Each structure stands twice: as C-alpha cells, then as structure tokens.
Amino acid sequence: MDASSPPSIGLPPPGTTAWLVTDGKAGDLAPCRGLAEALGLAAEERRIAPRPPFSWLAPRGPADPRERALRPPWPDLAIATGRRAVPALRAVKRRSDGTTFTVFLRDPRIGARAADLIWVPAHDRLRGANVIVTETGPHPVSPARLAAARDNPDPRLAALPRPRAAVLVGGDSRHGRFSDEDARALLAGLERLAGAARLMITASRRTPGPLRAALADLARRQGGFFWDGNGENPYLALLALADTIVATADSANMVTEACAAGVPVLLFEPGNLYARHRPLFEALKRHGAVHPFTGRVEALRSKPLDMTLAIAQAVANAYMGHRDALARRTAR
C-alpha cells in the first residue's frame, strides 16, 4: 500500500475509540502516540505484561489469558507495536468478533495477517495489500507541536545566542555498546562544533556515565545547555529551537524525529551500528534528510522528512473501509 501521497478520505469520526497496546517501552509508545495524535484520537494506553510461558512464545504464541489490559469494552481501533504485543493485538481482534480494526507498527514477524493494517519501513521485506511502506515511521514530533514550542520558547534555550545545535545522544542498547572510542570521537566532533554554535545537549538513560559527565562538562565550558534531568524535559524545545541537529545513530526513532524539524540533521554513527538501521540511514542520506557528522556547521540544505500524516491518512482510509464493511454486515 502506497502512503507517499495523502488519501482523499478524512480522519476517523469524532467519538472513535482507540487503544495503544504495548509493553510500555518508550520506543514503542512514541510511534503509537504519534499516529493516534495524527488521527485526532484520544487513545487509551493499554500496557501488557505477559507472563511465562506466553512472553517466551511471542510473537507466534497466544496472548496471556490472565492479561488484565485486554478486557472489554473493545475499541473501534487498536494500534500496537513490539514483539510481545502481537499476540495481544490478535486477541483483541478475535475477542471483539472482528469489529476492532487492528494496526501494527513495524514487522510483526508472523506475516501480513497479524493485523488488518501494518506499517513497515522501506528497508523491511514485508509486503502485502494491507502493508503501508514508507522511509520513516510515525512519531509525536508534529508540526503543530514544533510551532507551539517556537511560539512559547523554553527560556533555558531561548537565552542562548544563535546558531544553536541540538545534540541528541543515545548510548548502549541490546543491539550494541557505545564504545569508549565512539565516545571520544563524538566528544571531539562536538568540541569543534562548539566553536561555531551553542550546544543544547540531552542524553539518554542509555548514555554511559562517563560520556554523560563529559557532555555536561562540555556544555558548561562552552556556555551551552545540558539537561541534567531537572525541570521539564526540553526534548521538543531542542528540536524546535535548533538551527542544526546532531543525533547519534543508535536510535532510529530519535533520528526520524529529528528529520521532522526542518533543519539539517548531522548523523553520528557508532562503530557497531545496528545492522537493521543501516538501510534506513542510507535512505535518509540519499533523500538529503541527514548528513554525516564532521564537527562542522556546513551550509546544508534541509529537507524535512515526516511521513506521520501520510501514514495516518492511509490508516484512516482503511479504517473507514472497515466501518463500511461492518455496516453492510450488520444490515444483512
């Protein structure tokens, strides 16, 4: 299914109920929340916690029958992502007697029949009549939120002189370790960048402690900003007020969110970059949405890339078709 151009149909009607089904991981909740917001839905978050052996058997096995999050009344639409959410989403479909329209984000690993509609990034192999394929996925960094953050700027950041560079730093994950060599290379590049732009730095819970401390020291020495966890999270403000963005490539979500800001995105690639992310980042480079991080502020053309609204409109189109089919079934 092609989501490169918006379908002609509008969004779901007011009163449409929706669930977001995940195991609570931030990286799974973010795209689900972004899609629900783009659909205009006030979705209810249903966090699943399957116990063994059901957690071991996901995504192919059944849902945990003791799962408290999966109780009626069933929603009109359910959006899910994450390996452990696949059985739960299938259970919602079955227990609702097919009335709930189900959407899964990313490859469910059991084929296209896992949900009524599936979104995958272009580098994944899954294809089908019910599969939406785009370069980037849905996320909550919407144009409206960016505009609001610019209209009411975070005073901690607005006081910094321009140009400003937002620095989004990840770290270790189950796919690889952010090595000491990676940390030294990133810090060296940021030292150079600090000579041309004020740094606005945020780190992740996954950022190694020594790197976090070095980033905080860099911001202090260069008159920049480092978020130490106190006060309101400035993540959205960083994107909204930046003239350029540096993002580490250990998080695909973080990079695709940065691409929506409409400024040049400079990508720092760790030495052990997760292999499944490589095709995405290469595609973003070809599009001109990201550029290699060299420690310099260059005169780069920004090519904002955000497929959230197009994906939402494709979901709305399919959902409205599902509603029509239900109405015909009821009228028989």
Protein backbone atom coordinates (compact mmCIF):
# COMPACT_ATOMS: atom_id res chain seq x y z
CA MET A 1 0.00 0.00 0.00
CA ASP A 2 1.49 3.35 -1.01
CA ALA A 3 1.43 6.07 1.66
CA SER A 4 3.61 8.52 -0.28
CA SER A 5 0.64 10.77 -1.07
CA PRO A 6 -2.30 11.50 1.25
CA PRO A 7 -5.54 9.60 0.56
CA SER A 8 -8.61 11.66 -0.19
CA ILE A 9 -10.63 10.43 2.80
CA GLY A 10 -10.68 12.36 6.10
CA LEU A 11 -9.82 11.27 9.60
CA PRO A 12 -11.95 8.92 11.77
CA PRO A 13 -15.19 10.50 13.01
CA PRO A 14 -15.41 12.08 16.48
CA GLY A 15 -16.05 9.53 19.20
CA THR A 16 -13.90 6.82 17.62
CA THR A 17 -12.34 4.86 20.49
CA ALA A 18 -8.76 3.62 20.33
CA TRP A 19 -6.23 1.62 22.31
CA LEU A 20 -2.44 1.77 22.17
CA VAL A 21 -1.19 -1.74 23.00
CA THR A 22 2.48 -2.02 24.03
CA ASP A 23 4.57 -3.38 26.87
CA GLY A 24 5.36 0.21 27.87
CA LYS A 25 8.76 0.72 26.24
CA ALA A 26 9.28 4.38 25.36
CA GLY A 27 10.49 3.46 21.88
CA ASP A 28 7.24 1.60 21.23
CA LEU A 29 4.88 4.10 22.82
CA ALA A 30 6.24 7.08 20.87
CA PRO A 31 5.22 5.96 17.36
CA CYS A 32 1.83 4.74 18.61
CA ARG A 33 1.17 8.06 20.32
CA GLY A 34 2.28 9.97 17.25
CA LEU A 35 -0.05 8.04 14.99
CA ALA A 36 -3.01 8.40 17.37
CA GLU A 37 -2.45 12.14 17.64
CA ALA A 38 -2.26 12.50 13.86
CA LEU A 39 -5.55 10.59 13.62
CA GLY A 40 -7.14 13.00 16.08
CA LEU A 41 -7.80 10.23 18.61
CA ALA A 42 -7.69 10.44 22.40
CA ALA A 43 -6.33 6.92 22.71
CA GLU A 44 -6.25 4.82 25.87
CA GLU A 45 -2.89 3.23 26.59
CA ARG A 46 -3.17 -0.46 27.43
CA ARG A 47 0.13 -1.77 28.80
CA ILE A 48 0.52 -5.52 28.53
CA ALA A 49 2.75 -7.67 30.76
CA PRO A 50 2.53 -11.28 29.55
CA ARG A 51 3.99 -13.84 31.91
CA PRO A 52 5.92 -17.00 31.02
CA PRO A 53 5.42 -19.09 29.01
CA PHE A 54 3.35 -16.61 26.97
CA SER A 55 6.10 -13.97 26.97
CA TRP A 56 8.54 -16.59 25.65
CA LEU A 57 6.20 -17.66 22.85
CA ALA A 58 5.58 -14.16 21.43
CA PRO A 59 5.02 -13.19 18.68
CA ARG A 60 3.71 -16.56 17.44
CA GLY A 61 2.04 -17.85 20.55
CA PRO A 62 -1.29 -16.92 22.17
CA ALA A 63 -1.91 -13.96 24.44
CA ASP A 64 -1.64 -14.47 28.18
CA PRO A 65 -5.25 -15.33 29.23
CA ARG A 66 -4.61 -13.55 32.54
CA GLU A 67 -3.71 -10.29 30.78
CA ARG A 68 -5.70 -7.58 32.58
CA ALA A 69 -5.16 -4.98 29.84
CA LEU A 70 -7.26 -6.97 27.37
CA ARG A 71 -10.77 -6.53 28.70
CA PRO A 72 -13.92 -5.13 27.06
CA PRO A 73 -15.44 -2.85 26.02
CA TRP A 74 -13.39 -3.30 22.87
CA PRO A 75 -12.16 -0.21 20.99
CA ASP A 76 -13.01 0.75 17.45
CA LEU A 77 -9.31 0.83 16.59
CA ALA A 78 -6.25 -0.72 18.24
CA ILE A 79 -2.65 0.29 17.45
CA ALA A 80 0.22 -1.86 18.67
CA THR A 81 3.93 -2.42 18.29
CA GLY A 82 6.57 -4.61 19.88
CA ARG A 83 7.07 -8.39 19.75
CA ARG A 84 5.05 -9.08 22.90
CA ALA A 85 2.11 -7.01 21.64
CA VAL A 86 1.49 -9.21 18.58
CA PRO A 87 -0.49 -11.93 20.43
CA ALA A 88 -2.39 -9.25 22.37
CA LEU A 89 -3.46 -7.44 19.20
CA ARG A 90 -4.62 -10.69 17.61
CA ALA A 91 -6.59 -11.49 20.78
CA VAL A 92 -8.35 -8.11 20.62
CA LYS A 93 -9.35 -8.81 17.03
CA ARG A 94 -10.69 -12.26 17.86
CA ARG A 95 -12.45 -11.35 21.12
CA SER A 96 -14.14 -8.33 19.53
CA ASP A 97 -15.63 -10.65 16.90
CA GLY A 98 -13.69 -8.79 14.25
CA THR A 99 -15.18 -5.39 14.99
CA THR A 100 -11.93 -3.77 16.20
CA PHE A 101 -9.71 -2.55 13.37
CA THR A 102 -6.13 -3.50 14.21
CA VAL A 103 -2.94 -1.69 13.18
CA PHE A 104 0.60 -2.91 13.85
CA LEU A 105 3.73 -0.77 13.52
CA ARG A 106 6.89 -2.49 12.23
CA ASP A 107 7.25 -6.09 11.08
CA PRO A 108 5.26 -8.41 13.39
CA ARG A 109 7.46 -11.36 12.30
CA ILE A 110 4.49 -13.60 11.59
CA GLY A 111 3.39 -12.21 8.24
CA ALA A 112 0.87 -9.70 6.99
CA ARG A 113 -2.11 -11.48 8.57
CA ALA A 114 -1.04 -10.33 12.05
CA ALA A 115 -3.24 -7.20 11.75
CA ASP A 116 -5.74 -5.52 9.47
CA LEU A 117 -3.10 -2.96 8.55
CA ILE A 118 0.67 -2.96 9.07
CA TRP A 119 3.26 -0.21 8.68
CA VAL A 120 6.89 -1.12 7.94
CA PRO A 121 9.93 0.96 6.98
CA ALA A 122 11.06 0.59 3.37
CA HIS A 123 14.11 -1.48 4.32
CA ASP A 124 11.95 -4.24 5.83
CA ARG A 125 10.94 -7.03 3.49
CA LEU A 126 7.32 -7.49 4.48
CA ARG A 127 4.91 -6.52 1.70
CA GLY A 128 1.21 -7.06 1.08
CA ALA A 129 -2.06 -5.42 0.14
CA ASN A 130 -2.51 -4.38 3.79
CA VAL A 131 1.09 -3.20 4.34
CA ILE A 132 1.98 0.52 4.35
CA VAL A 133 5.60 1.16 3.35
CA THR A 134 7.43 4.48 3.92
CA GLU A 135 11.01 5.54 4.61
CA THR A 136 10.20 6.81 8.10
CA GLY A 137 7.53 5.89 10.60
CA PRO A 138 5.01 7.78 12.71
CA HIS A 139 6.18 9.83 15.69
CA PRO A 140 4.83 12.51 18.04
CA VAL A 141 7.02 15.41 16.80
CA SER A 142 4.22 17.06 14.84
CA PRO A 143 4.36 20.41 13.01
CA ALA A 144 1.80 21.77 15.49
CA ARG A 145 3.91 20.81 18.50
CA LEU A 146 7.05 22.27 16.93
CA ALA A 147 5.22 25.52 16.15
CA ALA A 148 3.90 25.76 19.72
CA ALA A 149 7.41 25.22 21.09
CA ARG A 150 8.70 28.04 18.88
CA ASP A 151 5.86 30.38 19.81
CA ASN A 152 6.46 29.78 23.54
CA PRO A 153 10.18 29.01 23.67
CA ASP A 154 11.82 27.30 26.62
CA PRO A 155 13.65 30.17 28.40
CA ARG A 156 16.59 27.90 29.22
CA LEU A 157 17.26 27.56 25.48
CA ALA A 158 15.91 30.79 24.04
CA ALA A 159 18.54 32.73 26.01
CA LEU A 160 21.34 31.03 24.08
CA PRO A 161 22.66 33.01 21.11
CA ARG A 162 22.27 31.58 17.64
CA PRO A 163 23.25 29.49 15.82
CA ARG A 164 22.20 26.70 18.14
CA ALA A 165 22.90 22.99 17.70
CA ALA A 166 20.69 20.42 19.40
CA VAL A 167 22.68 17.33 20.37
CA LEU A 168 20.66 14.14 20.91
CA VAL A 169 22.81 11.42 22.46
CA GLY A 170 21.77 7.80 22.96
CA GLY A 171 24.05 5.03 24.11
CA ASP A 172 24.12 1.33 24.91
CA SER A 173 21.29 -0.94 23.81
CA ARG A 174 20.60 -4.62 23.42
CA HIS A 175 21.93 -4.28 19.87
CA GLY A 176 25.34 -2.92 20.79
CA ARG A 177 27.56 -0.98 23.15
CA PHE A 178 28.50 2.67 22.74
CA SER A 179 32.27 2.16 22.98
CA ASP A 180 34.91 4.40 24.55
CA GLU A 181 36.24 5.06 21.04
CA ASP A 182 32.78 6.16 19.91
CA ALA A 183 32.54 8.48 22.92
CA ARG A 184 35.93 10.06 22.20
CA ALA A 185 35.05 10.61 18.53
CA LEU A 186 31.69 12.17 19.37
CA LEU A 187 33.19 14.47 22.00
CA ALA A 188 35.99 15.58 19.65
CA GLY A 189 33.44 16.48 16.97
CA LEU A 190 31.27 18.36 19.46
CA GLU A 191 34.30 20.32 20.72
CA ARG A 192 34.82 21.53 17.15
CA LEU A 193 31.13 22.25 16.68
CA ALA A 194 31.04 24.29 19.89
CA GLY A 195 33.35 26.80 18.23
CA ALA A 196 30.61 27.67 15.72
CA ALA A 197 27.32 27.04 17.55
CA ARG A 198 25.92 26.91 21.08
CA LEU A 199 25.27 23.32 22.07
CA MET A 200 21.95 22.22 23.57
CA ILE A 201 22.58 18.68 24.77
CA THR A 202 20.30 15.95 26.03
CA ALA A 203 21.41 12.43 26.90
CA SER A 204 19.51 9.18 27.31
CA ARG A 205 19.10 6.75 30.17
CA ARG A 206 21.25 4.52 27.96
CA THR A 207 24.15 7.00 27.79
CA PRO A 208 27.24 5.64 29.59
CA GLY A 209 28.02 7.56 32.78
CA PRO A 210 31.49 8.84 31.74
CA LEU A 211 30.12 10.13 28.42
CA ARG A 212 27.22 11.84 30.19
CA ALA A 213 29.64 13.57 32.57
CA ALA A 214 31.86 14.67 29.67
CA LEU A 215 28.87 16.10 27.79
CA ALA A 216 27.79 18.07 30.85
CA ASP A 217 31.32 19.43 31.24
CA LEU A 218 31.46 20.38 27.56
CA ALA A 219 28.22 22.34 27.80
CA ARG A 220 29.45 24.12 30.94
CA ARG A 221 32.81 25.08 29.42
CA GLN A 222 31.35 26.26 26.12
CA GLY A 223 28.38 28.19 27.51
CA GLY A 224 25.82 25.72 26.24
CA PHE A 225 22.99 23.76 27.86
CA PHE A 226 22.93 20.22 29.21
CA TRP A 227 19.71 18.72 30.53
CA ASP A 228 20.53 17.02 33.82
CA GLY A 229 17.05 15.63 34.35
CA ASN A 230 15.79 18.54 36.41
CA GLY A 231 12.80 20.56 35.26
CA GLU A 232 10.65 19.93 32.24
CA ASN A 233 12.10 17.66 29.55
CA PRO A 234 13.31 20.06 26.82
CA TYR A 235 13.44 17.45 24.04
CA LEU A 236 10.76 19.03 21.84
CA ALA A 237 12.13 22.52 22.50
CA LEU A 238 15.59 21.37 21.45
CA LEU A 239 14.23 20.29 18.07
CA ALA A 240 12.10 23.40 17.66
CA LEU A 241 14.82 25.95 18.52
CA ALA A 242 17.80 24.31 16.81
CA ASP A 243 19.48 25.60 13.67
CA THR A 244 21.07 22.20 13.19
CA ILE A 245 20.73 18.84 14.99
CA VAL A 246 23.33 16.22 15.84
CA ALA A 247 21.84 12.79 16.55
CA THR A 248 23.53 9.50 17.37
CA ALA A 249 22.51 6.64 15.12
CA ASP A 250 21.82 4.06 17.85
CA SER A 251 18.15 5.15 17.87
CA ALA A 252 16.11 5.12 14.66
CA ASN A 253 13.22 6.86 16.43
CA MET A 254 15.42 9.73 17.57
CA VAL A 255 16.85 10.29 14.09
CA THR A 256 13.48 10.21 12.31
CA GLU A 257 12.04 12.65 14.87
CA ALA A 258 14.96 14.99 14.21
CA CYS A 259 14.26 14.81 10.47
CA ALA A 260 10.84 16.39 11.06
CA ALA A 261 12.32 19.61 12.50
CA GLY A 262 13.16 21.15 9.12
CA VAL A 263 16.85 21.85 9.84
CA PRO A 264 20.00 19.94 8.79
CA VAL A 265 20.45 16.70 10.73
CA LEU A 266 24.03 15.54 11.28
CA LEU A 267 24.31 11.82 11.99
CA PHE A 268 26.98 10.37 14.28
CA GLU A 269 27.30 6.65 13.53
CA PRO A 270 28.82 4.45 16.26
CA GLY A 271 31.27 1.79 15.17
CA ASN A 272 28.88 -1.05 15.97
CA LEU A 273 25.80 0.47 14.33
CA TYR A 274 22.83 -1.94 14.44
CA ALA A 275 22.75 -3.64 11.05
CA ARG A 276 18.98 -3.29 10.67
CA HIS A 277 19.30 0.51 10.93
CA ARG A 278 21.85 0.86 8.12
CA PRO A 279 19.39 0.74 5.20
CA LEU A 280 17.20 3.39 6.85
CA PHE A 281 20.08 5.78 7.39
CA GLU A 282 21.41 5.24 3.88
CA ALA A 283 17.95 6.07 2.52
CA LEU A 284 17.80 9.22 4.64
CA LYS A 285 21.21 10.27 3.30
CA ARG A 286 20.05 9.76 -0.29
CA HIS A 287 16.96 11.83 0.43
CA GLY A 288 19.13 14.60 1.86
CA ALA A 289 17.42 14.45 5.25
CA VAL A 290 20.63 13.54 7.12
CA HIS A 291 24.33 14.20 6.59
CA PRO A 292 27.47 12.74 8.22
CA PHE A 293 28.61 14.50 11.40
CA THR A 294 32.05 16.04 10.93
CA GLY A 295 32.06 18.59 13.73
CA ARG A 296 31.42 21.49 11.38
CA VAL A 297 28.39 23.66 10.72
CA GLU A 298 28.01 23.50 6.98
CA ALA A 299 25.73 25.29 4.54
CA LEU A 300 23.47 22.30 4.06
CA ARG A 301 20.03 22.35 2.54
CA SER A 302 17.48 20.96 4.93
CA LYS A 303 14.97 18.50 3.54
CA PRO A 304 12.41 17.81 6.27
CA LEU A 305 11.01 14.31 6.07
CA ASP A 306 7.91 13.37 8.05
CA MET A 307 5.53 10.63 6.91
CA THR A 308 3.32 10.65 10.02
CA LEU A 309 0.36 12.44 8.43
CA ALA A 310 0.52 10.34 5.27
CA ILE A 311 0.54 7.13 7.35
CA ALA A 312 -2.34 8.42 9.48
CA GLN A 313 -4.40 9.20 6.40
CA ALA A 314 -3.73 5.73 4.98
CA VAL A 315 -4.86 4.22 8.31
CA ALA A 316 -7.98 6.40 8.32
CA ASN A 317 -8.79 5.35 4.77
CA ALA A 318 -8.53 1.66 5.63
CA TYR A 319 -10.43 2.10 8.90
CA MET A 320 -13.34 3.83 7.18
CA GLY A 321 -13.50 0.98 4.69
CA HIS A 322 -13.63 -1.43 7.63
CA ARG A 323 -16.53 0.54 9.17
CA ASP A 324 -18.44 0.40 5.90
CA ALA A 325 -17.92 -3.36 5.74
CA LEU A 326 -19.21 -3.75 9.31
CA ALA A 327 -22.28 -1.69 8.48
CA ARG A 328 -23.04 -3.89 5.49
CA ARG A 329 -22.58 -7.00 7.63
CA THR A 330 -24.98 -5.65 10.26
CA ALA A 331 -27.59 -4.72 7.62
CA ARG A 332 -27.80 -8.26 6.26
